[in-house]
Amino acid sequence: MKDKSYSNLMKSGAMNRMNEKEAFVQNLYIEMILGEIQLRAEKEKLQKRIDTAIDQRNKESFMQLSKQLNELNKRFGS
């Protein structure tokens, strides 16, 4: 079995830590993108339901769905 020098072991450890950090950042970025996709899909769904309520002149449904959309916008700052 080949023995590694101290400097090779230190370099290997540093590379492993760097790879772990890069993987963490990539996973965080992926989670952010997926969250944004989910938020946009939810907003689009609510907006379509609001449009339907308007078309049907359903004030109660319109008010409820508008409130949900406003709360969603407040929670996510959009």
Foldseek 3Di string as FASTA:
>chain_A
DDDDDPVVVVVVVVVVVVVVVVVVVVVVVVVVVVVVVVLVVVLVVLVVQLVVCVVVVPPVSNVVSVVVNVVSCVVVVD
